[in-house]
Each structure stands twice: as structure tokens, then as C-alpha cells.
C-alpha atoms as a PDB file:
ATOM      1  CA  MET A   1       0.153   0.336  -0.081  1.00  0.00           C
ATOM      2  CA  LYS A   2       1.414   3.209  -1.058  1.00  0.00           C
ATOM      3  CA  PHE A   3       1.170   6.532   1.786  1.00  0.00           C
ATOM      4  CA  THR A   4       2.351  10.124   1.336  1.00  0.00           C
ATOM      5  CA  GLN A   5       5.609  11.304   2.993  1.00  0.00           C
ATOM      6  CA  TYR A   6       3.352  13.245   5.286  1.00  0.00           C
ATOM      7  CA  PHE A   7       1.257  10.157   6.517  1.00  0.00           C
ATOM      8  CA  LEU A   8       4.492   8.289   7.117  1.00  0.00           C
ATOM      9  CA  TYR A   9       6.089  11.114   8.990  1.00  0.00           C
ATOM     10  CA  VAL A  10       3.346  11.755  11.412  1.00  0.00           C
ATOM     11  CA  ARG A  11       3.093   8.044  12.040  1.00  0.00           C
ATOM     12  CA  GLN A  12       6.250   8.474  13.863  1.00  0.00           C
ATOM     13  CA  ARG A  13       5.221  10.781  16.566  1.00  0.00           C
ATOM     14  CA  PRO A  14       5.148   9.341  19.795  1.00  0.00           C
ATOM     15  CA  ASP A  15       0.858   9.862  19.913  1.00  0.00           C
ATOM     16  CA  ARG A  16       0.557   7.651  17.057  1.00  0.00           C
ATOM     17  CA  ALA A  17       2.956   4.802  18.338  1.00  0.00           C
ATOM     18  CA  LYS A  18      -0.172   2.774  19.448  1.00  0.00           C
ATOM     19  CA  ILE A  19      -1.917   3.097  15.879  1.00  0.00           C
ATOM     20  CA  ARG A  20      -1.375  -0.695  14.235  1.00  0.00           C
ATOM     21  CA  MET A  21      -0.954  -0.780  10.415  1.00  0.00           C
ATOM     22  CA  GLU A  22      -3.755  -3.426  10.395  1.00  0.00           C
ATOM     23  CA  TRP A  23      -5.938  -0.937  11.667  1.00  0.00           C
ATOM     24  CA  ILE A  24      -5.290   1.944   9.117  1.00  0.00           C
ATOM     25  CA  GLU A  25      -5.299  -0.657   5.768  1.00  0.00           C
ATOM     26  CA  ASP A  26      -8.847  -1.864   6.784  1.00  0.00           C
ATOM     27  CA  THR A  27     -10.175   1.711   7.744  1.00  0.00           C
ATOM     28  CA  ILE A  28      -8.742   2.691   4.288  1.00  0.00           C
ATOM     29  CA  LYS A  29     -10.790  -0.503   2.604  1.00  0.00           C
ATOM     30  CA  ASN A  30     -14.185  -0.002   4.845  1.00  0.00           C
ATOM     31  CA  GLN A  31     -14.187   3.511   6.380  1.00  0.00           C
ATOM     32  CA  ALA A  32     -17.075   4.445   8.161  1.00  0.00           C
ATOM     33  CA  TYR A  33     -17.070   7.883   7.016  1.00  0.00           C
ATOM     34  CA  LYS A  34     -15.076   9.843   4.455  1.00  0.00           C
ATOM     35  CA  GLU A  35     -14.426  13.484   4.357  1.00  0.00           C
ATOM     36  CA  VAL A  36     -12.914  15.540   1.322  1.00  0.00           C
ATOM     37  CA  GLN A  37     -10.932  18.312   2.493  1.00  0.00           C
ATOM     38  CA  CYS A  38     -10.808  21.568   0.700  1.00  0.00           C
ATOM     39  CA  ASP A  39      -7.404  21.040  -0.051  1.00  0.00           C
ATOM     40  CA  GLY A  40      -8.124  17.838  -1.670  1.00  0.00           C
ATOM     41  CA  ARG A  41      -6.892  15.504   0.966  1.00  0.00           C
ATOM     42  CA  ILE A  42      -9.064  12.764   2.198  1.00  0.00           C
ATOM     43  CA  ARG A  43     -10.013  11.638   5.895  1.00  0.00           C
ATOM     44  CA  LYS A  44     -11.194   8.206   6.459  1.00  0.00           C
ATOM     45  CA  TRP A  45     -12.723   7.466   9.845  1.00  0.00           C
ATOM     46  CA  LYS A  46     -13.800   3.883  11.305  1.00  0.00           C
ATOM     47  CA  ARG A  47     -13.862   2.911  15.033  1.00  0.00           C
ATOM     48  CA  ILE A  48     -11.916   0.428  15.950  1.00  0.00           C
ATOM     49  CA  GLU A  49     -13.264  -1.775  18.603  1.00  0.00           C
ATOM     50  CA  GLU A  50      -9.805  -3.390  19.544  1.00  0.00           C
ATOM     51  CA  GLU A  51      -8.417  -0.007  20.496  1.00  0.00           C
ATOM     52  CA  ASP A  52     -10.966   0.319  22.924  1.00  0.00           C
ATOM     53  CA  LYS A  53      -9.980  -2.699  24.796  1.00  0.00           C
ATOM     54  CA  ILE A  54      -5.841  -1.438  25.380  1.00  0.00           C
END
């Protein structure tokens, strides 16, 4: 899967450390909500039930 350099950079932040790649891939494929920003970037959201247990 391809990602932007910005996305890869942001993923390295300490507050993003617990986000798993499989969660990201699943959200991209099966998002619950999608928003196109005014600059053309696309945001996708999905509730991660597994994360609630951490």
C-alpha cells in the first residue's frame, strides 16, 4: 500500500505509536465515514473496537 511522505512522518509521532498498520489498512478499505478536505486530501474514519480494550 502506498502512503504519502507526510502520512509516514506523522505516524512516527509518539502519540501515534499504538496505531497498528492493520487498523490503517482496514480503515482505508472499509471506512465508516469519508471526508474530502478543501485542499483535496481525503480523511477516512472507522471505530477500532480492539483499541477500546487497550
